[in-house]
Amino acid sequence: MRPTHPGHLVGILVIVALLSWAVVRQFYGMFLLPWTAIPTVLLLAIGEGYSAWVTKARIARKPGTKPVEPLAVARLAALAKASAYAGTLFGGLFAGFVLHTVQILDRETPRSEFFIATGSFVACVALVCAALYLEHSCRTPKDPQDSQAPK
């Protein structure tokens, strides 16, 4: 599995944000944003960040940690990759909502939805950052003996 490139994620975010802005502009008012997305996604980000921290210590075999099973690391890497793309997609949806509601902040309902969409977008960015950190933590450390040139 290849590492996730942040440039791909940014490209996906921009495309999804523009598409969702176009859809929200046409159908605004037919649905409301749930505020519950913010704590849910933040809890996922915290969980992945903690898993990354623990996994990195276990792979590096720091004192007081158990060795990690290779299959568990592969599963965590797959989770990290999926979370990065899912966070990017949902972040793009919320960014499109922000782009539309920022234009009509003088009304009460769009103002509250603007803050919910902004908080949800920030939570999705936190999830993507935690996922990229988890993916980075799943890499095996380079052996200093391998980097030395043979004599």
C-alpha atoms as a PDB file:
ATOM      1  CA  MET A   1       0.000   0.000   0.000  1.00  0.00           C
ATOM      2  CA  ARG A   2       1.378   3.401  -0.935  1.00  0.00           C
ATOM      3  CA  PRO A   3       1.279   6.371   1.433  1.00  0.00           C
ATOM      4  CA  THR A   4      -1.560   8.834   1.010  1.00  0.00           C
ATOM      5  CA  HIS A   5      -0.489  12.011  -0.759  1.00  0.00           C
ATOM      6  CA  PRO A   6      -1.857  15.174   0.863  1.00  0.00           C
ATOM      7  CA  GLY A   7      -2.035  16.824  -2.563  1.00  0.00           C
ATOM      8  CA  HIS A   8      -4.586  14.240  -3.706  1.00  0.00           C
ATOM      9  CA  LEU A   9      -6.635  14.904  -0.595  1.00  0.00           C
ATOM     10  CA  VAL A  10      -6.608  18.656  -1.209  1.00  0.00           C
ATOM     11  CA  GLY A  11      -7.700  18.125  -4.813  1.00  0.00           C
ATOM     12  CA  ILE A  12     -10.572  15.892  -3.711  1.00  0.00           C
ATOM     13  CA  LEU A  13     -11.561  18.428  -1.047  1.00  0.00           C
ATOM     14  CA  VAL A  14     -11.715  21.289  -3.548  1.00  0.00           C
ATOM     15  CA  ILE A  15     -13.720  19.311  -6.114  1.00  0.00           C
ATOM     16  CA  VAL A  16     -16.222  18.005  -3.536  1.00  0.00           C
ATOM     17  CA  ALA A  17     -16.539  21.477  -1.970  1.00  0.00           C
ATOM     18  CA  LEU A  18     -17.384  23.049  -5.325  1.00  0.00           C
ATOM     19  CA  LEU A  19     -19.848  20.292  -6.201  1.00  0.00           C
ATOM     20  CA  SER A  20     -21.568  20.459  -2.822  1.00  0.00           C
ATOM     21  CA  TRP A  21     -21.695  24.272  -3.001  1.00  0.00           C
ATOM     22  CA  ALA A  22     -23.511  23.987  -6.343  1.00  0.00           C
ATOM     23  CA  VAL A  23     -25.995  21.478  -4.912  1.00  0.00           C
ATOM     24  CA  VAL A  24     -26.564  23.389  -1.662  1.00  0.00           C
ATOM     25  CA  ARG A  25     -27.108  26.606  -3.611  1.00  0.00           C
ATOM     26  CA  GLN A  26     -29.980  24.946  -5.494  1.00  0.00           C
ATOM     27  CA  PHE A  27     -31.557  23.021  -2.620  1.00  0.00           C
ATOM     28  CA  TYR A  28     -30.777  25.114   0.469  1.00  0.00           C
ATOM     29  CA  GLY A  29     -33.436  24.931   3.144  1.00  0.00           C
ATOM     30  CA  MET A  30     -34.592  21.379   2.433  1.00  0.00           C
ATOM     31  CA  PHE A  31     -32.350  19.925   5.152  1.00  0.00           C
ATOM     32  CA  LEU A  32     -30.518  21.054   8.267  1.00  0.00           C
ATOM     33  CA  LEU A  33     -27.011  20.179   9.366  1.00  0.00           C
ATOM     34  CA  PRO A  34     -26.711  18.089  12.533  1.00  0.00           C
ATOM     35  CA  TRP A  35     -24.402  19.533  15.173  1.00  0.00           C
ATOM     36  CA  THR A  36     -23.661  16.002  16.355  1.00  0.00           C
ATOM     37  CA  ALA A  37     -21.153  15.530  13.538  1.00  0.00           C
ATOM     38  CA  ILE A  38     -18.664  17.757  15.348  1.00  0.00           C
ATOM     39  CA  PRO A  39     -18.160  15.707  18.545  1.00  0.00           C
ATOM     40  CA  THR A  40     -18.455  12.421  16.666  1.00  0.00           C
ATOM     41  CA  VAL A  41     -15.701  13.230  14.187  1.00  0.00           C
ATOM     42  CA  LEU A  42     -13.541  14.798  16.901  1.00  0.00           C
ATOM     43  CA  LEU A  43     -13.798  11.615  18.976  1.00  0.00           C
ATOM     44  CA  LEU A  44     -12.734   9.603  15.928  1.00  0.00           C
ATOM     45  CA  ALA A  45      -9.790  11.943  15.424  1.00  0.00           C
ATOM     46  CA  ILE A  46      -8.745  11.640  19.061  1.00  0.00           C
ATOM     47  CA  GLY A  47      -9.006   7.849  18.870  1.00  0.00           C
ATOM     48  CA  GLU A  48      -6.891   7.667  15.741  1.00  0.00           C
ATOM     49  CA  GLY A  49      -4.345  10.090  17.158  1.00  0.00           C
ATOM     50  CA  TYR A  50      -4.005   8.030  20.306  1.00  0.00           C
ATOM     51  CA  SER A  51      -3.751   4.814  18.278  1.00  0.00           C
ATOM     52  CA  ALA A  52      -1.013   6.404  16.198  1.00  0.00           C
ATOM     53  CA  TRP A  53       0.932   7.438  19.279  1.00  0.00           C
ATOM     54  CA  VAL A  54       0.672   3.973  20.857  1.00  0.00           C
ATOM     55  CA  THR A  55       1.421   2.153  17.608  1.00  0.00           C
ATOM     56  CA  LYS A  56       4.478   4.267  16.913  1.00  0.00           C
ATOM     57  CA  ALA A  57       5.855   3.477  20.380  1.00  0.00           C
ATOM     58  CA  ARG A  58       5.138  -0.226  19.980  1.00  0.00           C
ATOM     59  CA  ILE A  59       6.755  -0.431  16.543  1.00  0.00           C
ATOM     60  CA  ALA A  60       9.822   1.415  17.855  1.00  0.00           C
ATOM     61  CA  ARG A  61       9.869  -1.101  20.754  1.00  0.00           C
ATOM     62  CA  LYS A  62      10.065   1.539  23.431  1.00  0.00           C
ATOM     63  CA  PRO A  63      10.477   0.208  26.977  1.00  0.00           C
ATOM     64  CA  GLY A  64       7.243  -0.867  28.620  1.00  0.00           C
ATOM     65  CA  THR A  65       5.402  -1.590  25.364  1.00  0.00           C
ATOM     66  CA  LYS A  66       4.410  -4.920  23.872  1.00  0.00           C
ATOM     67  CA  PRO A  67       5.471  -5.804  20.339  1.00  0.00           C
ATOM     68  CA  VAL A  68       2.740  -5.145  17.810  1.00  0.00           C
ATOM     69  CA  GLU A  69       1.370  -7.811  15.491  1.00  0.00           C
ATOM     70  CA  PRO A  70       1.986  -7.144  11.787  1.00  0.00           C
ATOM     71  CA  LEU A  71      -1.648  -7.862  10.866  1.00  0.00           C
ATOM     72  CA  ALA A  72      -2.834  -5.270  13.397  1.00  0.00           C
ATOM     73  CA  VAL A  73      -0.530  -2.685  11.843  1.00  0.00           C
ATOM     74  CA  ALA A  74      -1.872  -3.496   8.379  1.00  0.00           C
ATOM     75  CA  ARG A  75      -5.426  -3.046   9.637  1.00  0.00           C
ATOM     76  CA  LEU A  76      -4.547   0.265  11.258  1.00  0.00           C
ATOM     77  CA  ALA A  77      -2.917   1.452   8.040  1.00  0.00           C
ATOM     78  CA  ALA A  78      -6.059   0.534   6.095  1.00  0.00           C
ATOM     79  CA  LEU A  79      -8.188   2.357   8.670  1.00  0.00           C
ATOM     80  CA  ALA A  80      -5.957   5.400   8.393  1.00  0.00           C
ATOM     81  CA  LYS A  81      -6.183   5.483   4.608  1.00  0.00           C
ATOM     82  CA  ALA A  82      -9.966   5.072   4.662  1.00  0.00           C
ATOM     83  CA  SER A  83     -10.354   7.737   7.350  1.00  0.00           C
ATOM     84  CA  ALA A  84      -8.212  10.197   5.418  1.00  0.00           C
ATOM     85  CA  TYR A  85     -10.366   9.859   2.303  1.00  0.00           C
ATOM     86  CA  ALA A  86     -13.663   9.817   4.222  1.00  0.00           C
ATOM     87  CA  GLY A  87     -12.641  12.865   6.234  1.00  0.00           C
ATOM     88  CA  THR A  88     -11.697  14.631   3.021  1.00  0.00           C
ATOM     89  CA  LEU A  89     -15.025  13.817   1.360  1.00  0.00           C
ATOM     90  CA  PHE A  90     -17.107  14.925   4.325  1.00  0.00           C
ATOM     91  CA  GLY A  91     -14.877  17.948   4.838  1.00  0.00           C
ATOM     92  CA  GLY A  92     -15.572  18.922   1.231  1.00  0.00           C
ATOM     93  CA  LEU A  93     -19.306  18.599   1.807  1.00  0.00           C
ATOM     94  CA  PHE A  94     -19.131  20.832   4.854  1.00  0.00           C
ATOM     95  CA  ALA A  95     -16.851  23.297   3.053  1.00  0.00           C
ATOM     96  CA  GLY A  96     -19.420  23.609   0.261  1.00  0.00           C
ATOM     97  CA  PHE A  97     -22.064  24.317   2.867  1.00  0.00           C
ATOM     98  CA  VAL A  98     -19.806  26.966   4.423  1.00  0.00           C
ATOM     99  CA  LEU A  99     -19.240  28.572   1.025  1.00  0.00           C
ATOM    100  CA  HIS A 100     -22.967  28.966   0.539  1.00  0.00           C
ATOM    101  CA  THR A 101     -23.960  30.080   4.039  1.00  0.00           C
ATOM    102  CA  VAL A 102     -21.162  32.626   4.354  1.00  0.00           C
ATOM    103  CA  GLN A 103     -22.966  34.654   1.687  1.00  0.00           C
ATOM    104  CA  ILE A 104     -26.201  34.894   3.698  1.00  0.00           C
ATOM    105  CA  LEU A 105     -24.990  35.415   7.267  1.00  0.00           C
ATOM    106  CA  ASP A 106     -27.451  38.249   7.873  1.00  0.00           C
ATOM    107  CA  ARG A 107     -30.242  35.693   8.531  1.00  0.00           C
ATOM    108  CA  GLU A 108     -30.431  33.681  11.759  1.00  0.00           C
ATOM    109  CA  THR A 109     -30.749  30.105  10.452  1.00  0.00           C
ATOM    110  CA  PRO A 110     -27.915  30.329   7.908  1.00  0.00           C
ATOM    111  CA  ARG A 111     -25.703  31.902  10.601  1.00  0.00           C
ATOM    112  CA  SER A 112     -26.168  28.944  12.953  1.00  0.00           C
ATOM    113  CA  GLU A 113     -25.687  26.501  10.083  1.00  0.00           C
ATOM    114  CA  PHE A 114     -22.532  28.363   9.084  1.00  0.00           C
ATOM    115  CA  PHE A 115     -21.036  27.752  12.528  1.00  0.00           C
ATOM    116  CA  ILE A 116     -22.119  24.098  12.531  1.00  0.00           C
ATOM    117  CA  ALA A 117     -20.647  23.569   9.049  1.00  0.00           C
ATOM    118  CA  THR A 118     -17.428  25.356  10.010  1.00  0.00           C
ATOM    119  CA  GLY A 119     -17.047  23.275  13.165  1.00  0.00           C
ATOM    120  CA  SER A 120     -17.748  20.106  11.211  1.00  0.00           C
ATOM    121  CA  PHE A 121     -15.176  21.089   8.595  1.00  0.00           C
ATOM    122  CA  VAL A 122     -12.552  21.720  11.275  1.00  0.00           C
ATOM    123  CA  ALA A 123     -13.376  18.347  12.869  1.00  0.00           C
ATOM    124  CA  CYS A 124     -12.941  16.653   9.478  1.00  0.00           C
ATOM    125  CA  VAL A 125      -9.565  18.355   9.028  1.00  0.00           C
ATOM    126  CA  ALA A 126      -8.557  17.070  12.478  1.00  0.00           C
ATOM    127  CA  LEU A 127      -9.638  13.559  11.435  1.00  0.00           C
ATOM    128  CA  VAL A 128      -7.583  13.736   8.240  1.00  0.00           C
ATOM    129  CA  CYS A 129      -4.521  14.941  10.182  1.00  0.00           C
ATOM    130  CA  ALA A 130      -4.923  12.145  12.743  1.00  0.00           C
ATOM    131  CA  ALA A 131      -5.374   9.603   9.946  1.00  0.00           C
ATOM    132  CA  LEU A 132      -2.217  10.772   8.185  1.00  0.00           C
ATOM    133  CA  TYR A 133      -0.340  10.580  11.493  1.00  0.00           C
ATOM    134  CA  LEU A 134      -1.662   7.046  12.073  1.00  0.00           C
ATOM    135  CA  GLU A 135      -0.616   6.038   8.573  1.00  0.00           C
ATOM    136  CA  HIS A 136       2.850   7.487   9.187  1.00  0.00           C
ATOM    137  CA  SER A 137       3.059   5.687  12.539  1.00  0.00           C
ATOM    138  CA  CYS A 138       2.419   2.330  10.879  1.00  0.00           C
ATOM    139  CA  ARG A 139       5.677   2.513   8.916  1.00  0.00           C
ATOM    140  CA  THR A 140       8.602   0.446  10.060  1.00  0.00           C
ATOM    141  CA  PRO A 141      11.527   2.538  11.255  1.00  0.00           C
ATOM    142  CA  LYS A 142      14.593   2.642   9.086  1.00  0.00           C
ATOM    143  CA  ASP A 143      17.423   0.527  10.411  1.00  0.00           C
ATOM    144  CA  PRO A 144      20.600   2.620  10.861  1.00  0.00           C
ATOM    145  CA  GLN A 145      22.656  -0.345   9.659  1.00  0.00           C
ATOM    146  CA  ASP A 146      20.835  -0.359   6.304  1.00  0.00           C
ATOM    147  CA  SER A 147      21.708   3.266   5.563  1.00  0.00           C
ATOM    148  CA  GLN A 148      25.473   2.714   5.898  1.00  0.00           C
ATOM    149  CA  ALA A 149      27.347   2.057   2.678  1.00  0.00           C
ATOM    150  CA  PRO A 150      29.017  -1.385   2.440  1.00  0.00           C
ATOM    151  CA  LYS A 151      32.771  -1.396   2.808  1.00  0.00           C
END
